[in-house]
C-alpha atoms as a PDB file:
ATOM      1  CA  MET A   1       3.126  -8.488   3.700  1.00  0.00           C
ATOM      2  CA  LEU A   2       4.843  -7.064   0.625  1.00  0.00           C
ATOM      3  CA  CYS A   3       7.079  -9.325  -1.429  1.00  0.00           C
ATOM      4  CA  ASN A   4       9.039  -9.211  -4.670  1.00  0.00           C
ATOM      5  CA  GLU A   5       6.614 -11.725  -6.193  1.00  0.00           C
ATOM      6  CA  MET A   6       4.207  -8.794  -6.635  1.00  0.00           C
ATOM      7  CA  ILE A   7       6.369  -7.773  -9.610  1.00  0.00           C
ATOM      8  CA  LYS A   8       4.923  -9.780 -12.513  1.00  0.00           C
ATOM      9  CA  SER A   9       7.341  -8.594 -15.200  1.00  0.00           C
ATOM     10  CA  LYS A  10       9.884  -5.912 -15.967  1.00  0.00           C
ATOM     11  CA  ILE A  11      10.610  -3.885 -19.096  1.00  0.00           C
ATOM     12  CA  GLU A  12      14.030  -2.265 -19.482  1.00  0.00           C
ATOM     13  CA  ILE A  13      14.500   0.691 -21.833  1.00  0.00           C
ATOM     14  CA  ASN A  14      18.049   1.921 -22.573  1.00  0.00           C
ATOM     15  CA  SER A  15      19.626  -0.606 -20.210  1.00  0.00           C
ATOM     16  CA  ASP A  16      22.719  -0.785 -22.432  1.00  0.00           C
ATOM     17  CA  THR A  17      23.919   2.815 -22.053  1.00  0.00           C
ATOM     18  CA  ASN A  18      27.605   3.413 -21.361  1.00  0.00           C
ATOM     19  CA  ILE A  19      26.826   5.499 -18.262  1.00  0.00           C
ATOM     20  CA  SER A  20      27.921   4.114 -14.897  1.00  0.00           C
ATOM     21  CA  ASN A  21      25.023   3.325 -12.568  1.00  0.00           C
ATOM     22  CA  GLU A  22      26.525   5.617  -9.923  1.00  0.00           C
ATOM     23  CA  CYS A  23      26.008   8.584 -12.250  1.00  0.00           C
ATOM     24  CA  TYR A  24      22.239   8.192 -12.398  1.00  0.00           C
ATOM     25  CA  PHE A  25      19.752  10.097 -10.266  1.00  0.00           C
ATOM     26  CA  HIS A  26      16.881   7.715  -9.532  1.00  0.00           C
ATOM     27  CA  ILE A  27      13.238   8.848  -9.783  1.00  0.00           C
ATOM     28  CA  SER A  28      10.146   6.674  -9.334  1.00  0.00           C
ATOM     29  CA  TYR A  29       6.411   6.796 -10.062  1.00  0.00           C
ATOM     30  CA  GLY A  30       3.600   4.476  -8.981  1.00  0.00           C
ATOM     31  CA  VAL A  31       0.340   4.765 -10.943  1.00  0.00           C
ATOM     32  CA  ASP A  32      -2.605   3.000 -12.459  1.00  0.00           C
ATOM     33  CA  GLU A  33      -3.164   3.164 -16.201  1.00  0.00           C
ATOM     34  CA  ASN A  34      -5.191   6.391 -15.991  1.00  0.00           C
ATOM     35  CA  PHE A  35      -2.107   8.402 -14.995  1.00  0.00           C
ATOM     36  CA  LEU A  36       0.374   7.210 -17.629  1.00  0.00           C
ATOM     37  CA  TYR A  37      -0.161  10.451 -19.574  1.00  0.00           C
ATOM     38  CA  GLY A  38       0.907  12.326 -16.454  1.00  0.00           C
ATOM     39  CA  VAL A  39       3.995  10.164 -15.959  1.00  0.00           C
ATOM     40  CA  GLY A  40       5.132  10.670 -19.548  1.00  0.00           C
ATOM     41  CA  THR A  41       4.849  14.441 -19.413  1.00  0.00           C
ATOM     42  CA  SER A  42       6.347  14.594 -15.910  1.00  0.00           C
ATOM     43  CA  ILE A  43       9.430  12.706 -17.111  1.00  0.00           C
ATOM     44  CA  SER A  44       9.615  14.954 -20.176  1.00  0.00           C
ATOM     45  CA  SER A  45       9.538  18.056 -17.966  1.00  0.00           C
ATOM     46  CA  ILE A  46      12.436  16.759 -15.867  1.00  0.00           C
ATOM     47  CA  LEU A  47      14.563  16.004 -18.930  1.00  0.00           C
ATOM     48  CA  LEU A  48      13.728  19.385 -20.441  1.00  0.00           C
ATOM     49  CA  ASN A  49      14.910  21.316 -17.382  1.00  0.00           C
ATOM     50  CA  ASN A  50      17.918  19.175 -16.447  1.00  0.00           C
ATOM     51  CA  PRO A  51      19.862  18.550 -19.681  1.00  0.00           C
ATOM     52  CA  GLU A  52      23.184  17.974 -17.911  1.00  0.00           C
ATOM     53  CA  ASN A  53      21.967  15.142 -15.663  1.00  0.00           C
ATOM     54  CA  PHE A  54      21.516  11.406 -16.167  1.00  0.00           C
ATOM     55  CA  PHE A  55      18.299   9.889 -14.843  1.00  0.00           C
ATOM     56  CA  HIS A  56      17.069   6.379 -14.222  1.00  0.00           C
ATOM     57  CA  PHE A  57      13.286   6.400 -13.991  1.00  0.00           C
ATOM     58  CA  HIS A  58      11.352   3.585 -12.327  1.00  0.00           C
ATOM     59  CA  LEU A  59       7.676   3.229 -13.248  1.00  0.00           C
ATOM     60  CA  PHE A  60       5.470   0.861 -11.245  1.00  0.00           C
ATOM     61  CA  VAL A  61       2.103   0.274 -12.904  1.00  0.00           C
ATOM     62  CA  ASP A  62      -0.621  -2.383 -12.874  1.00  0.00           C
ATOM     63  CA  ASN A  63      -1.407  -2.186 -16.595  1.00  0.00           C
ATOM     64  CA  LEU A  64       0.615  -0.658 -19.433  1.00  0.00           C
ATOM     65  CA  SER A  65      -0.998   0.656 -22.598  1.00  0.00           C
ATOM     66  CA  ASP A  66       1.550   3.273 -23.709  1.00  0.00           C
ATOM     67  CA  GLU A  67       4.771   1.242 -23.869  1.00  0.00           C
ATOM     68  CA  ARG A  68       5.576   2.481 -27.385  1.00  0.00           C
ATOM     69  CA  LEU A  69       5.423   6.123 -26.247  1.00  0.00           C
ATOM     70  CA  PHE A  70       7.793   5.458 -23.349  1.00  0.00           C
ATOM     71  CA  HIS A  71      10.289   3.830 -25.724  1.00  0.00           C
ATOM     72  CA  GLN A  72      10.072   6.921 -27.926  1.00  0.00           C
ATOM     73  CA  LEU A  73      10.582   9.173 -24.898  1.00  0.00           C
ATOM     74  CA  MET A  74      13.920   7.500 -24.138  1.00  0.00           C
ATOM     75  CA  GLU A  75      15.136   7.353 -27.751  1.00  0.00           C
ATOM     76  CA  HIS A  76      18.469   9.041 -28.509  1.00  0.00           C
ATOM     77  CA  THR A  77      19.142   9.693 -24.801  1.00  0.00           C
ATOM     78  CA  GLN A  78      21.470   8.249 -22.163  1.00  0.00           C
ATOM     79  CA  HIS A  79      18.630   8.044 -19.638  1.00  0.00           C
ATOM     80  CA  ARG A  80      17.168   4.755 -18.451  1.00  0.00           C
ATOM     81  CA  LEU A  81      13.601   3.670 -17.769  1.00  0.00           C
ATOM     82  CA  SER A  82      12.571   0.509 -15.930  1.00  0.00           C
ATOM     83  CA  ILE A  83       8.876  -0.400 -16.010  1.00  0.00           C
ATOM     84  CA  TYR A  84       7.561  -2.836 -13.410  1.00  0.00           C
ATOM     85  CA  LEU A  85       4.164  -4.467 -13.974  1.00  0.00           C
ATOM     86  CA  ILE A  86       2.740  -5.281 -10.567  1.00  0.00           C
ATOM     87  CA  ASP A  87       0.073  -7.574  -9.165  1.00  0.00           C
ATOM     88  CA  ASN A  88      -2.285  -5.146  -7.451  1.00  0.00           C
ATOM     89  CA  GLU A  89      -4.500  -7.658  -5.605  1.00  0.00           C
ATOM     90  CA  LYS A  90      -2.925  -7.122  -2.176  1.00  0.00           C
ATOM     91  CA  PHE A  91      -3.385  -3.358  -2.397  1.00  0.00           C
ATOM     92  CA  LYS A  92      -7.032  -3.615  -3.472  1.00  0.00           C
ATOM     93  CA  SER A  93      -7.955  -4.852   0.006  1.00  0.00           C
ATOM     94  CA  LEU A  94      -6.475  -1.792   1.731  1.00  0.00           C
ATOM     95  CA  PRO A  95      -8.776   1.052   2.837  1.00  0.00           C
ATOM     96  CA  LEU A  96      -9.582   4.018   0.588  1.00  0.00           C
ATOM     97  CA  PRO A  97     -11.405   7.193   1.743  1.00  0.00           C
ATOM     98  CA  SER A  98     -13.857   7.129  -1.181  1.00  0.00           C
ATOM     99  CA  LYS A  99     -14.602   5.479  -4.536  1.00  0.00           C
ATOM    100  CA  GLY A 100     -12.729   8.281  -6.286  1.00  0.00           C
ATOM    101  CA  TRP A 101      -9.418   7.092  -4.847  1.00  0.00           C
ATOM    102  CA  SER A 102      -7.259   4.422  -6.462  1.00  0.00           C
ATOM    103  CA  SER A 103      -5.310   1.674  -4.718  1.00  0.00           C
ATOM    104  CA  ALA A 104      -2.320   3.032  -6.658  1.00  0.00           C
ATOM    105  CA  ILE A 105      -1.724   5.340  -3.669  1.00  0.00           C
ATOM    106  CA  TYR A 106      -0.108   2.300  -2.061  1.00  0.00           C
ATOM    107  CA  PHE A 107       2.250   1.548  -4.958  1.00  0.00           C
ATOM    108  CA  ARG A 108       4.964   3.680  -3.365  1.00  0.00           C
ATOM    109  CA  LEU A 109       5.227   0.987  -0.686  1.00  0.00           C
ATOM    110  CA  ILE A 110       6.287  -1.734  -3.131  1.00  0.00           C
ATOM    111  CA  ILE A 111       8.598   0.831  -4.757  1.00  0.00           C
ATOM    112  CA  ILE A 112      10.449   1.210  -1.460  1.00  0.00           C
ATOM    113  CA  SER A 113      10.558  -2.475  -0.547  1.00  0.00           C
ATOM    114  CA  TYR A 114      11.425  -3.800  -4.023  1.00  0.00           C
ATOM    115  CA  LEU A 115      14.067  -1.282  -5.102  1.00  0.00           C
ATOM    116  CA  ALA A 116      15.792  -1.490  -1.712  1.00  0.00           C
ATOM    117  CA  THR A 117      16.441  -5.189  -2.399  1.00  0.00           C
ATOM    118  CA  LYS A 118      18.127  -4.179  -5.667  1.00  0.00           C
ATOM    119  CA  GLY A 119      20.795  -2.125  -3.932  1.00  0.00           C
ATOM    120  CA  LEU A 120      19.295   1.339  -4.424  1.00  0.00           C
ATOM    121  CA  ASP A 121      19.325   3.889  -1.620  1.00  0.00           C
ATOM    122  CA  LYS A 122      18.657   7.513  -2.603  1.00  0.00           C
ATOM    123  CA  LEU A 123      15.379   7.717  -4.504  1.00  0.00           C
ATOM    124  CA  LEU A 124      12.969  10.499  -5.429  1.00  0.00           C
ATOM    125  CA  TYR A 125       9.312   9.491  -5.572  1.00  0.00           C
ATOM    126  CA  LEU A 126       6.927  11.783  -7.475  1.00  0.00           C
ATOM    127  CA  ASP A 127       3.185  11.744  -8.027  1.00  0.00           C
ATOM    128  CA  ALA A 128       2.237  11.677 -11.713  1.00  0.00           C
ATOM    129  CA  ASP A 129       0.519  15.081 -11.502  1.00  0.00           C
ATOM    130  CA  ILE A 130       3.821  16.838 -10.804  1.00  0.00           C
ATOM    131  CA  ILE A 131       5.567  18.904 -13.477  1.00  0.00           C
ATOM    132  CA  CYS A 132       9.192  20.039 -13.236  1.00  0.00           C
ATOM    133  CA  LYS A 133      10.223  23.589 -14.131  1.00  0.00           C
ATOM    134  CA  GLY A 134      13.651  23.823 -12.524  1.00  0.00           C
ATOM    135  CA  GLU A 135      16.946  22.139 -11.695  1.00  0.00           C
ATOM    136  CA  LEU A 136      17.295  19.233  -9.262  1.00  0.00           C
ATOM    137  CA  SER A 137      20.925  19.854  -8.295  1.00  0.00           C
ATOM    138  CA  TYR A 138      20.000  20.868  -4.725  1.00  0.00           C
ATOM    139  CA  LEU A 139      18.590  17.421  -4.008  1.00  0.00           C
ATOM    140  CA  GLY A 140      21.904  15.819  -4.867  1.00  0.00           C
ATOM    141  CA  SER A 141      23.540  17.735  -2.020  1.00  0.00           C
ATOM    142  CA  LEU A 142      21.204  16.349   0.649  1.00  0.00           C
ATOM    143  CA  GLU A 143      22.496  13.620   2.945  1.00  0.00           C
ATOM    144  CA  PHE A 144      20.755  10.868   4.897  1.00  0.00           C
ATOM    145  CA  ASN A 145      21.684   9.454   8.293  1.00  0.00           C
ATOM    146  CA  GLU A 146      20.152   7.613  11.243  1.00  0.00           C
ATOM    147  CA  SER A 147      17.984  10.617  12.121  1.00  0.00           C
ATOM    148  CA  THR A 148      17.043  11.595   8.552  1.00  0.00           C
ATOM    149  CA  TYR A 149      15.327   9.085   6.278  1.00  0.00           C
ATOM    150  CA  LEU A 150      13.277  11.536   4.266  1.00  0.00           C
ATOM    151  CA  TYR A 151      13.104  15.049   2.814  1.00  0.00           C
ATOM    152  CA  ALA A 152       9.590  16.283   2.085  1.00  0.00           C
ATOM    153  CA  VAL A 153       7.489  19.457   1.909  1.00  0.00           C
ATOM    154  CA  LYS A 154       4.924  20.550   4.489  1.00  0.00           C
ATOM    155  CA  ASP A 155       1.311  20.142   3.428  1.00  0.00           C
ATOM    156  CA  LYS A 156      -0.024  23.599   4.237  1.00  0.00           C
ATOM    157  CA  PHE A 157      -3.530  22.663   3.092  1.00  0.00           C
ATOM    158  CA  ARG A 158      -4.078  19.976   5.730  1.00  0.00           C
ATOM    159  CA  SER A 159      -7.039  21.368   7.692  1.00  0.00           C
ATOM    160  CA  ASP A 160      -7.390  18.955  10.638  1.00  0.00           C
ATOM    161  CA  LYS A 161      -4.093  19.936  12.204  1.00  0.00           C
ATOM    162  CA  ASN A 162      -4.595  18.131  15.518  1.00  0.00           C
ATOM    163  CA  SER A 163      -6.019  14.848  14.299  1.00  0.00           C
ATOM    164  CA  LEU A 164      -2.939  12.600  14.307  1.00  0.00           C
ATOM    165  CA  PRO A 165      -0.641  11.432  17.132  1.00  0.00           C
ATOM    166  CA  MET A 166       2.393  13.345  15.882  1.00  0.00           C
ATOM    167  CA  ASP A 167       3.947  16.789  15.602  1.00  0.00           C
ATOM    168  CA  MET A 168       1.565  18.184  12.975  1.00  0.00           C
ATOM    169  CA  SER A 169       3.868  21.142  12.266  1.00  0.00           C
ATOM    170  CA  LYS A 170       6.000  18.662  10.285  1.00  0.00           C
ATOM    171  CA  TYR A 171       3.090  17.035   8.404  1.00  0.00           C
ATOM    172  CA  PHE A 172       4.177  16.538   4.787  1.00  0.00           C
ATOM    173  CA  ASN A 173       2.520  15.884   1.454  1.00  0.00           C
ATOM    174  CA  SER A 174       3.503  12.478   0.081  1.00  0.00           C
ATOM    175  CA  GLY A 175       3.507  13.549  -3.583  1.00  0.00           C
ATOM    176  CA  PHE A 176       7.218  14.399  -3.295  1.00  0.00           C
ATOM    177  CA  LEU A 177       9.410  12.068  -1.240  1.00  0.00           C
ATOM    178  CA  TYR A 178      13.197  12.203  -1.467  1.00  0.00           C
ATOM    179  CA  MET A 179      14.203   9.268   0.660  1.00  0.00           C
ATOM    180  CA  SER A 180      16.749   6.726   1.735  1.00  0.00           C
ATOM    181  CA  ILE A 181      14.847   3.602   0.751  1.00  0.00           C
ATOM    182  CA  LYS A 182      17.561   1.464   2.322  1.00  0.00           C
ATOM    183  CA  ARG A 183      16.795   2.926   5.733  1.00  0.00           C
ATOM    184  CA  MET A 184      13.049   2.913   5.057  1.00  0.00           C
ATOM    185  CA  ALA A 185      13.171  -0.796   4.236  1.00  0.00           C
ATOM    186  CA  GLU A 186      15.386  -1.622   7.227  1.00  0.00           C
ATOM    187  CA  TYR A 187      12.851   0.149   9.448  1.00  0.00           C
ATOM    188  CA  ASN A 188      10.115  -1.899   7.696  1.00  0.00           C
ATOM    189  CA  ILE A 189       8.172   1.257   6.784  1.00  0.00           C
ATOM    190  CA  PRO A 190       6.106  -0.311   3.954  1.00  0.00           C
ATOM    191  CA  ASN A 191       4.633  -3.097   6.089  1.00  0.00           C
ATOM    192  CA  GLN A 192       4.205  -0.772   9.062  1.00  0.00           C
ATOM    193  CA  VAL A 193       2.130   1.521   6.824  1.00  0.00           C
ATOM    194  CA  ILE A 194      -0.104  -1.399   5.849  1.00  0.00           C
ATOM    195  CA  ASP A 195      -0.585  -2.412   9.491  1.00  0.00           C
ATOM    196  CA  LEU A 196      -1.411   1.162  10.481  1.00  0.00           C
ATOM    197  CA  VAL A 197      -3.954   1.883   7.730  1.00  0.00           C
ATOM    198  CA  ASN A 198      -5.742  -1.402   8.432  1.00  0.00           C
ATOM    199  CA  LYS A 199      -6.404  -0.482  12.052  1.00  0.00           C
ATOM    200  CA  SER A 200      -7.002   3.274  11.633  1.00  0.00           C
ATOM    201  CA  ASP A 201      -9.550   5.575  10.024  1.00  0.00           C
ATOM    202  CA  PHE A 202      -7.369   8.028   8.103  1.00  0.00           C
ATOM    203  CA  THR A 203      -8.557  10.724   5.691  1.00  0.00           C
ATOM    204  CA  HIS A 204      -5.370  10.269   3.627  1.00  0.00           C
ATOM    205  CA  PRO A 205      -4.387   6.668   4.450  1.00  0.00           C
ATOM    206  CA  ASP A 206      -0.890   6.204   3.039  1.00  0.00           C
ATOM    207  CA  GLN A 207       0.109   9.823   3.638  1.00  0.00           C
ATOM    208  CA  ASP A 208      -1.153   9.899   7.233  1.00  0.00           C
ATOM    209  CA  ALA A 209       0.564   6.620   8.071  1.00  0.00           C
ATOM    210  CA  LEU A 210       3.871   7.726   6.540  1.00  0.00           C
ATOM    211  CA  ASN A 211       3.710  10.946   8.537  1.00  0.00           C
ATOM    212  CA  ILE A 212       3.133   9.155  11.830  1.00  0.00           C
ATOM    213  CA  LEU A 213       5.914   6.631  11.241  1.00  0.00           C
ATOM    214  CA  LEU A 214       8.466   9.156   9.937  1.00  0.00           C
ATOM    215  CA  ASN A 215       7.621  12.144  12.107  1.00  0.00           C
ATOM    216  CA  ASN A 216      11.054  12.062  13.750  1.00  0.00           C
ATOM    217  CA  LYS A 217      12.907  11.025  10.591  1.00  0.00           C
ATOM    218  CA  VAL A 218      11.820  13.757   8.158  1.00  0.00           C
ATOM    219  CA  ILE A 219      13.299  17.147   7.319  1.00  0.00           C
ATOM    220  CA  ASN A 220      10.949  19.630   5.689  1.00  0.00           C
ATOM    221  CA  ILE A 221      12.433  21.515   2.739  1.00  0.00           C
ATOM    222  CA  SER A 222      11.235  24.491   0.694  1.00  0.00           C
ATOM    223  CA  GLU A 223       7.766  24.329  -0.836  1.00  0.00           C
ATOM    224  CA  ASN A 224       9.473  25.087  -4.160  1.00  0.00           C
ATOM    225  CA  PHE A 225      10.005  21.321  -4.421  1.00  0.00           C
ATOM    226  CA  ASN A 226       6.310  20.516  -4.038  1.00  0.00           C
ATOM    227  CA  PHE A 227       4.388  23.688  -4.868  1.00  0.00           C
ATOM    228  CA  MET A 228       0.762  22.649  -4.627  1.00  0.00           C
ATOM    229  CA  PHE A 229      -1.648  24.307  -7.039  1.00  0.00           C
ATOM    230  CA  SER A 230      -5.193  23.308  -7.931  1.00  0.00           C
ATOM    231  CA  LEU A 231      -6.607  24.229 -11.327  1.00  0.00           C
ATOM    232  CA  ASP A 232     -10.016  23.897  -9.694  1.00  0.00           C
ATOM    233  CA  TRP A 233      -9.261  27.019  -7.657  1.00  0.00           C
ATOM    234  CA  HIS A 234     -10.198  28.919 -10.802  1.00  0.00           C
ATOM    235  CA  ILE A 235     -13.821  27.953 -10.117  1.00  0.00           C
ATOM    236  CA  THR A 236     -13.814  27.716  -6.312  1.00  0.00           C
ATOM    237  CA  LYS A 237     -11.627  30.587  -5.058  1.00  0.00           C
ATOM    238  CA  LYS A 238     -12.845  34.169  -5.044  1.00  0.00           C
ATOM    239  CA  SER A 239      -9.557  35.685  -3.900  1.00  0.00           C
ATOM    240  CA  ASP A 240      -6.301  35.923  -5.836  1.00  0.00           C
ATOM    241  CA  LEU A 241      -4.664  32.629  -6.687  1.00  0.00           C
ATOM    242  CA  PRO A 242      -1.084  31.897  -5.570  1.00  0.00           C
ATOM    243  CA  LYS A 243       1.570  32.704  -8.146  1.00  0.00           C
ATOM    244  CA  ILE A 244       4.007  30.103  -9.423  1.00  0.00           C
ATOM    245  CA  SER A 245       7.323  31.866  -8.863  1.00  0.00           C
ATOM    246  CA  GLU A 246      10.554  31.542 -10.810  1.00  0.00           C
ATOM    247  CA  GLN A 247      12.063  29.596  -7.887  1.00  0.00           C
ATOM    248  CA  VAL A 248       9.511  26.764  -8.027  1.00  0.00           C
ATOM    249  CA  VAL A 249      11.100  23.476  -9.119  1.00  0.00           C
ATOM    250  CA  PHE A 250       8.082  21.138  -8.996  1.00  0.00           C
ATOM    251  CA  ILE A 251       4.434  22.122  -9.483  1.00  0.00           C
ATOM    252  CA  HIS A 252       2.038  19.627  -7.934  1.00  0.00           C
ATOM    253  CA  PHE A 253      -1.370  19.900  -9.601  1.00  0.00           C
ATOM    254  CA  VAL A 254      -3.550  18.730  -6.725  1.00  0.00           C
ATOM    255  CA  GLY A 255      -7.312  18.372  -7.022  1.00  0.00           C
ATOM    256  CA  LEU A 256      -9.588  16.644  -9.507  1.00  0.00           C
ATOM    257  CA  THR A 257      -8.606  18.628 -12.614  1.00  0.00           C
ATOM    258  CA  LYS A 258      -5.158  17.821 -14.025  1.00  0.00           C
ATOM    259  CA  PRO A 259      -3.304  19.637 -16.828  1.00  0.00           C
ATOM    260  CA  PHE A 260      -3.703  16.552 -19.040  1.00  0.00           C
ATOM    261  CA  HIS A 261      -7.507  16.893 -18.907  1.00  0.00           C
ATOM    262  CA  GLU A 262      -9.115  18.529 -21.938  1.00  0.00           C
ATOM    263  CA  TRP A 263     -10.960  21.130 -19.844  1.00  0.00           C
ATOM    264  CA  ALA A 264      -7.717  22.447 -18.288  1.00  0.00           C
ATOM    265  CA  LYS A 265      -6.635  24.147 -21.520  1.00  0.00           C
ATOM    266  CA  PHE A 266      -7.866  27.589 -20.439  1.00  0.00           C
ATOM    267  CA  TYR A 267      -5.277  28.271 -17.752  1.00  0.00           C
ATOM    268  CA  SER A 268      -1.827  29.851 -17.917  1.00  0.00           C
ATOM    269  CA  GLU A 269      -0.514  27.597 -15.130  1.00  0.00           C
ATOM    270  CA  CYS A 270      -0.591  24.725 -17.646  1.00  0.00           C
ATOM    271  CA  ILE A 271       2.152  26.323 -19.760  1.00  0.00           C
ATOM    272  CA  TYR A 272       4.819  24.167 -18.075  1.00  0.00           C
ATOM    273  CA  PHE A 273       2.837  21.011 -18.778  1.00  0.00           C
ATOM    274  CA  GLU A 274       2.236  22.106 -22.370  1.00  0.00           C
ATOM    275  CA  SER A 275       5.952  22.689 -22.912  1.00  0.00           C
ATOM    276  CA  ALA A 276       6.770  19.213 -21.583  1.00  0.00           C
ATOM    277  CA  ARG A 277       4.009  17.655 -23.682  1.00  0.00           C
ATOM    278  CA  ASP A 278       5.161  19.431 -26.850  1.00  0.00           C
ATOM    279  CA  ASN A 279       8.652  18.012 -26.302  1.00  0.00           C
ATOM    280  CA  SER A 280       7.434  14.457 -25.789  1.00  0.00           C
ATOM    281  CA  PRO A 281       5.767  11.636 -27.759  1.00  0.00           C
ATOM    282  CA  TRP A 282       2.489  12.699 -26.129  1.00  0.00           C
ATOM    283  CA  LYS A 283       2.390  15.879 -28.240  1.00  0.00           C
ATOM    284  CA  ASN A 284       0.008  14.145 -30.665  1.00  0.00           C
ATOM    285  CA  ALA A 285      -1.989  12.314 -28.001  1.00  0.00           C
ATOM    286  CA  PRO A 286      -5.369  13.923 -27.258  1.00  0.00           C
ATOM    287  CA  LEU A 287      -5.938  15.317 -23.796  1.00  0.00           C
ATOM    288  CA  LEU A 288      -8.046  13.084 -21.584  1.00  0.00           C
ATOM    289  CA  LYS A 289     -11.831  13.261 -21.597  1.00  0.00           C
ATOM    290  CA  PRO A 290     -13.863  13.125 -18.368  1.00  0.00           C
ATOM    291  CA  GLU A 291     -14.506   9.753 -16.793  1.00  0.00           C
ATOM    292  CA  GLY A 292     -17.449   9.477 -14.427  1.00  0.00           C
ATOM    293  CA  TYR A 293     -19.974  12.050 -13.296  1.00  0.00           C
ATOM    294  CA  LYS A 294     -17.583  13.859 -10.939  1.00  0.00           C
ATOM    295  CA  GLN A 295     -15.202  14.768 -13.748  1.00  0.00           C
ATOM    296  CA  LEU A 296     -18.148  15.707 -15.970  1.00  0.00           C
ATOM    297  CA  SER A 297     -19.378  18.022 -13.220  1.00  0.00           C
ATOM    298  CA  ARG A 298     -15.958  19.632 -12.933  1.00  0.00           C
ATOM    299  CA  LYS A 299     -15.630  20.012 -16.702  1.00  0.00           C
ATOM    300  CA  LYS A 300     -18.985  21.796 -17.042  1.00  0.00           C
ATOM    301  CA  SER A 301     -18.013  24.232 -14.276  1.00  0.00           C
ATOM    302  CA  HIS A 302     -14.760  25.124 -16.032  1.00  0.00           C
ATOM    303  CA  LEU A 303     -16.503  25.529 -19.391  1.00  0.00           C
ATOM    304  CA  ARG A 304     -19.075  27.846 -17.853  1.00  0.00           C
ATOM    305  CA  ARG A 305     -16.419  29.903 -16.080  1.00  0.00           C
ATOM    306  CA  ASN A 306     -14.579  30.398 -19.381  1.00  0.00           C
ATOM    307  CA  GLY A 307     -17.634  31.317 -21.450  1.00  0.00           C
ATOM    308  CA  ASP A 308     -18.047  28.110 -23.447  1.00  0.00           C
ATOM    309  CA  TYR A 309     -21.801  27.972 -22.873  1.00  0.00           C
ATOM    310  CA  ILE A 310     -22.587  25.494 -25.653  1.00  0.00           C
ATOM    311  CA  GLY A 311     -19.974  23.110 -24.286  1.00  0.00           C
ATOM    312  CA  PHE A 312     -21.343  23.750 -20.804  1.00  0.00           C
ATOM    313  CA  LEU A 313     -24.885  22.751 -21.855  1.00  0.00           C
ATOM    314  CA  ILE A 314     -23.704  19.634 -23.693  1.00  0.00           C
ATOM    315  CA  THR A 315     -21.559  18.548 -20.742  1.00  0.00           C
ATOM    316  CA  THR A 316     -24.385  19.283 -18.286  1.00  0.00           C
ATOM    317  CA  ILE A 317     -26.674  16.919 -20.214  1.00  0.00           C
ATOM    318  CA  LYS A 318     -23.978  14.224 -20.200  1.00  0.00           C
ATOM    319  CA  TYR A 319     -23.439  14.797 -16.479  1.00  0.00           C
ATOM    320  CA  LEU A 320     -27.149  14.451 -15.665  1.00  0.00           C
ATOM    321  CA  MET A 321     -27.473  11.306 -17.764  1.00  0.00           C
ATOM    322  CA  ARG A 322     -24.453   9.737 -16.053  1.00  0.00           C
ATOM    323  CA  LYS A 323     -25.636  10.833 -12.601  1.00  0.00           C
ATOM    324  CA  LEU A 324     -29.136   9.410 -13.117  1.00  0.00           C
ATOM    325  CA  SER A 325     -27.732   6.102 -14.346  1.00  0.00           C
ATOM    326  CA  ILE A 326     -25.938   5.427 -11.055  1.00  0.00           C
END
């Protein structure tokens, strides 16, 4: 069972602003340390595209190495940032589809249960690989009631359409969740998710469980609020790639390669990430190098596709050495 004791400590940045709490739009992230770069640039992208709004960001993380950069991000603004350091032991026992997944996928559950006890209701949850390129004003017009706990975007890439006991035409991607956490907590969604994943064999544990439990409580909104794009399509797709239109508000960079990886620099779709990075304290932070043989494999494929054959050969050697050492 989830409890507030999972929050080990809390860091408040800009808690003394003169803005009334009712004026803030609340946005949350739940990550492990490897995705802090993504969180920083995601927040920067939101601020860059919504200069007239006031935001209170809530970051739940198990280990914090970039605190100084987050303080710099909030400097000279009226926005707030609360950072919650969590005890991850309970989540480590929950099922994961493969070794490449992190137990951080379950952090959104403690986000719901903890913040609901603090009097919050309307909350936007975002994955850390989401970049904003538009205004969020539409979300502020959405209302919740006893039949609507959640607004989310259909996951059009889910292939096994008939695998879950629910109306799969409403199946959503959990990277973007605009929700009434008060109603979610009252319905005990976080603990129901834990019970369900422990007795099921899901391909996407937290996402599948949320879909089953909220199938009759969700309204699907435009894909412009969770436009899924994989940079790895540049090496796997032979047909034309989908275009990121002017109307897209959030780009969700699904797949192994993220815009904050050093081998993603070749692609025009990263321009929105680069703009956010250049306007943030991360502008001088190096892009992330590959960790593990899977990322090395992906990096070498991108280098080869873009004609960096020396880099491809060097990375291939590193990949083989890492692969053989397993």
